């Protein structure tokens, strides 16, 4: 799977790295001045993996629920 490329990295006096999606669906990264590019990219990759796993889990759960609903409707 390809990593989502940040459209922009905004550095400020913040303490944490944050990801946001703008109205155009582009990834914006907010990071502290002291964060290295390696730390920022590692964070983006980690978050992308977590979201992929969350999506996969959600899809499996929805599939199970739909299958259950279909079975119940067929039995009735």
N, C-alpha and C. Protein backbone atom coordinates (compact mmCIF):
# COMPACT_ATOMS: atom_id res chain seq x y z
N UNK A 1 0.84 -1.18 0.00
CA UNK A 1 0.00 0.00 0.00
C UNK A 1 0.88 1.25 0.00
N UNK A 2 0.50 2.22 -0.78
CA UNK A 2 1.28 3.46 -0.90
C UNK A 2 0.91 4.42 0.24
N UNK A 3 1.93 5.06 0.81
CA UNK A 3 1.70 6.03 1.87
C UNK A 3 1.04 7.29 1.30
N UNK A 4 0.15 7.87 2.08
CA UNK A 4 -0.46 9.14 1.68
C UNK A 4 0.60 10.22 1.79
N UNK A 5 0.80 10.98 0.74
CA UNK A 5 1.80 12.05 0.73
C UNK A 5 1.21 13.33 1.30
N UNK A 6 1.88 13.94 2.27
CA UNK A 6 1.39 15.21 2.80
C UNK A 6 1.47 16.31 1.73
N UNK A 7 0.41 17.09 1.63
CA UNK A 7 0.39 18.23 0.71
C UNK A 7 1.25 19.36 1.28
N UNK A 8 1.22 19.49 2.63
CA UNK A 8 1.94 20.59 3.27
C UNK A 8 2.35 20.18 4.68
N UNK A 9 3.51 20.64 5.12
CA UNK A 9 3.96 20.45 6.49
C UNK A 9 4.10 21.83 7.12
N UNK A 10 3.31 22.07 8.15
CA UNK A 10 3.31 23.37 8.82
C UNK A 10 4.01 23.19 10.16
N UNK A 11 5.10 23.91 10.35
CA UNK A 11 5.87 23.83 11.59
C UNK A 11 5.53 25.04 12.48
N UNK A 12 5.42 24.75 13.77
CA UNK A 12 5.11 25.81 14.73
C UNK A 12 5.66 25.42 16.10
N UNK A 13 5.33 26.21 17.10
CA UNK A 13 5.85 25.96 18.45
C UNK A 13 5.01 24.94 19.20
N UNK A 14 4.33 24.08 18.54
CA UNK A 14 3.51 23.05 19.17
C UNK A 14 4.38 21.93 19.71
N UNK A 15 3.83 21.03 20.49
CA UNK A 15 4.58 19.93 21.08
C UNK A 15 4.31 18.59 20.41
N UNK A 16 3.25 18.51 19.65
CA UNK A 16 2.87 17.23 19.06
C UNK A 16 2.73 17.34 17.54
N UNK A 17 2.73 16.19 16.89
CA UNK A 17 2.48 16.13 15.45
C UNK A 17 1.00 15.83 15.26
N UNK A 18 0.36 16.54 14.35
CA UNK A 18 -1.06 16.32 14.08
C UNK A 18 -1.28 16.21 12.58
N UNK A 19 -2.27 15.40 12.22
CA UNK A 19 -2.65 15.25 10.82
C UNK A 19 -4.04 15.84 10.65
N UNK A 20 -4.25 16.51 9.53
CA UNK A 20 -5.59 16.99 9.22
C UNK A 20 -5.82 16.86 7.73
N UNK A 21 -7.07 16.72 7.37
CA UNK A 21 -7.47 16.63 5.97
C UNK A 21 -8.23 17.91 5.65
N UNK A 22 -7.77 18.63 4.61
CA UNK A 22 -8.45 19.89 4.28
C UNK A 22 -9.69 19.61 3.42
N UNK A 23 -10.39 20.66 3.03
CA UNK A 23 -11.64 20.53 2.27
C UNK A 23 -11.44 19.84 0.92
N UNK A 24 -10.22 19.91 0.38
CA UNK A 24 -9.93 19.27 -0.90
C UNK A 24 -9.50 17.81 -0.73
N UNK A 25 -9.46 17.33 0.52
CA UNK A 25 -9.06 15.96 0.80
C UNK A 25 -7.56 15.76 0.84
N UNK A 26 -6.79 16.84 0.97
CA UNK A 26 -5.34 16.75 1.02
C UNK A 26 -4.87 16.64 2.47
N UNK A 27 -3.77 15.91 2.67
CA UNK A 27 -3.21 15.72 4.01
C UNK A 27 -2.32 16.90 4.37
N UNK A 28 -2.60 17.51 5.52
CA UNK A 28 -1.79 18.59 6.06
C UNK A 28 -1.18 18.07 7.37
N UNK A 29 0.13 18.23 7.53
CA UNK A 29 0.81 17.80 8.75
C UNK A 29 1.22 19.04 9.53
N UNK A 30 0.89 19.05 10.81
CA UNK A 30 1.33 20.13 11.70
C UNK A 30 2.34 19.51 12.65
N UNK A 31 3.52 20.11 12.73
CA UNK A 31 4.60 19.52 13.52
C UNK A 31 5.39 20.60 14.25
N UNK A 32 6.02 20.21 15.37
CA UNK A 32 6.88 21.16 16.08
C UNK A 32 8.15 21.45 15.29
N UNK A 33 8.75 22.60 15.53
CA UNK A 33 10.00 22.95 14.85
C UNK A 33 11.06 21.88 15.07
N UNK A 34 11.10 21.30 16.26
CA UNK A 34 12.17 20.36 16.61
C UNK A 34 12.00 18.96 15.99
N UNK A 35 10.84 18.66 15.43
CA UNK A 35 10.61 17.34 14.84
C UNK A 35 11.38 17.20 13.53
N UNK A 36 12.10 16.09 13.41
CA UNK A 36 12.85 15.84 12.16
C UNK A 36 11.89 15.32 11.09
N UNK A 37 12.31 15.39 9.85
CA UNK A 37 11.49 14.86 8.76
C UNK A 37 11.26 13.36 8.95
N UNK A 38 12.28 12.67 9.46
CA UNK A 38 12.14 11.23 9.70
C UNK A 38 11.03 10.96 10.72
N UNK A 39 10.99 11.75 11.78
CA UNK A 39 9.94 11.58 12.79
C UNK A 39 8.56 11.87 12.20
N UNK A 40 8.48 12.88 11.38
CA UNK A 40 7.20 13.24 10.77
C UNK A 40 6.73 12.13 9.84
N UNK A 41 7.61 11.66 8.97
CA UNK A 41 7.25 10.59 8.02
C UNK A 41 6.89 9.31 8.78
N UNK A 42 7.65 8.96 9.81
CA UNK A 42 7.33 7.77 10.62
C UNK A 42 5.94 7.89 11.23
N UNK A 43 5.61 9.09 11.72
CA UNK A 43 4.29 9.32 12.31
C UNK A 43 3.19 9.14 11.27
N UNK A 44 3.39 9.71 10.09
CA UNK A 44 2.40 9.60 9.01
C UNK A 44 2.21 8.13 8.62
N UNK A 45 3.29 7.38 8.48
CA UNK A 45 3.21 5.97 8.12
C UNK A 45 2.47 5.18 9.20
N UNK A 46 2.81 5.42 10.45
CA UNK A 46 2.15 4.71 11.56
C UNK A 46 0.65 5.00 11.58
N UNK A 47 0.29 6.25 11.43
CA UNK A 47 -1.13 6.62 11.44
C UNK A 47 -1.86 6.02 10.25
N UNK A 48 -1.20 5.98 9.09
CA UNK A 48 -1.81 5.41 7.89
C UNK A 48 -2.07 3.92 8.10
N UNK A 49 -1.12 3.21 8.72
CA UNK A 49 -1.29 1.78 9.00
C UNK A 49 -2.44 1.57 9.97
N UNK A 50 -2.51 2.40 11.02
CA UNK A 50 -3.60 2.27 12.01
C UNK A 50 -4.94 2.49 11.35
N UNK A 51 -5.03 3.49 10.52
CA UNK A 51 -6.30 3.78 9.85
C UNK A 51 -6.68 2.67 8.88
N UNK A 52 -5.69 2.07 8.21
CA UNK A 52 -5.96 0.96 7.30
C UNK A 52 -6.51 -0.23 8.07
N UNK A 53 -5.92 -0.52 9.22
CA UNK A 53 -6.40 -1.62 10.06
C UNK A 53 -7.80 -1.32 10.58
N UNK A 54 -8.05 -0.07 10.98
CA UNK A 54 -9.37 0.32 11.44
C UNK A 54 -10.41 0.15 10.34
N UNK A 55 -10.06 0.58 9.11
CA UNK A 55 -10.97 0.43 7.98
C UNK A 55 -11.26 -1.04 7.71
N UNK A 56 -10.20 -1.86 7.74
CA UNK A 56 -10.35 -3.29 7.50
C UNK A 56 -11.26 -3.92 8.55
N UNK A 57 -11.06 -3.57 9.82
CA UNK A 57 -11.90 -4.09 10.90
C UNK A 57 -13.35 -3.65 10.72
N UNK A 58 -13.54 -2.39 10.37
CA UNK A 58 -14.89 -1.87 10.18
C UNK A 58 -15.59 -2.59 9.03
N UNK A 59 -14.90 -2.81 7.94
CA UNK A 59 -15.48 -3.50 6.79
C UNK A 59 -15.88 -4.92 7.18
N UNK A 60 -14.99 -5.64 7.90
CA UNK A 60 -15.31 -7.00 8.33
C UNK A 60 -16.52 -7.01 9.27
N UNK A 61 -16.57 -6.06 10.19
CA UNK A 61 -17.69 -5.98 11.12
C UNK A 61 -19.00 -5.70 10.38
N UNK A 62 -18.97 -4.75 9.44
CA UNK A 62 -20.17 -4.44 8.66
C UNK A 62 -20.60 -5.65 7.84
N UNK A 63 -19.64 -6.37 7.27
CA UNK A 63 -19.95 -7.55 6.48
C UNK A 63 -20.64 -8.60 7.35
N UNK A 64 -20.12 -8.82 8.57
CA UNK A 64 -20.73 -9.78 9.49
C UNK A 64 -22.16 -9.35 9.86
N UNK A 65 -22.35 -8.06 10.13
CA UNK A 65 -23.68 -7.57 10.49
C UNK A 65 -24.66 -7.73 9.33
N UNK A 66 -24.21 -7.41 8.13
CA UNK A 66 -25.07 -7.54 6.96
C UNK A 66 -25.42 -9.01 6.73
N UNK A 67 -24.43 -9.89 6.88
CA UNK A 67 -24.69 -11.32 6.72
C UNK A 67 -25.70 -11.80 7.74
N UNK A 68 -25.57 -11.32 8.98
CA UNK A 68 -26.49 -11.69 10.04
C UNK A 68 -27.89 -11.20 9.72
N UNK A 69 -28.02 -9.97 9.27
CA UNK A 69 -29.32 -9.40 8.93
C UNK A 69 -29.96 -10.19 7.79
N UNK A 70 -29.16 -10.53 6.80
CA UNK A 70 -29.68 -11.30 5.66
C UNK A 70 -30.17 -12.67 6.14
N UNK A 71 -29.40 -13.33 7.00
CA UNK A 71 -29.80 -14.64 7.52
C UNK A 71 -31.09 -14.53 8.32
N UNK A 72 -31.20 -13.51 9.16
CA UNK A 72 -32.40 -13.34 9.98
C UNK A 72 -33.60 -13.07 9.09
N UNK A 73 -33.45 -12.23 8.07
CA UNK A 73 -34.55 -11.92 7.16
C UNK A 73 -34.95 -13.14 6.35
N UNK A 74 -34.00 -13.99 6.00
CA UNK A 74 -34.32 -15.19 5.23
C UNK A 74 -35.06 -16.20 6.10
N UNK A 75 -34.73 -16.26 7.39
CA UNK A 75 -35.37 -17.21 8.30
C UNK A 75 -36.82 -16.78 8.56
N UNK A 76 -37.05 -15.47 8.68
CA UNK A 76 -38.39 -14.97 8.94
C UNK A 76 -39.21 -15.16 7.70
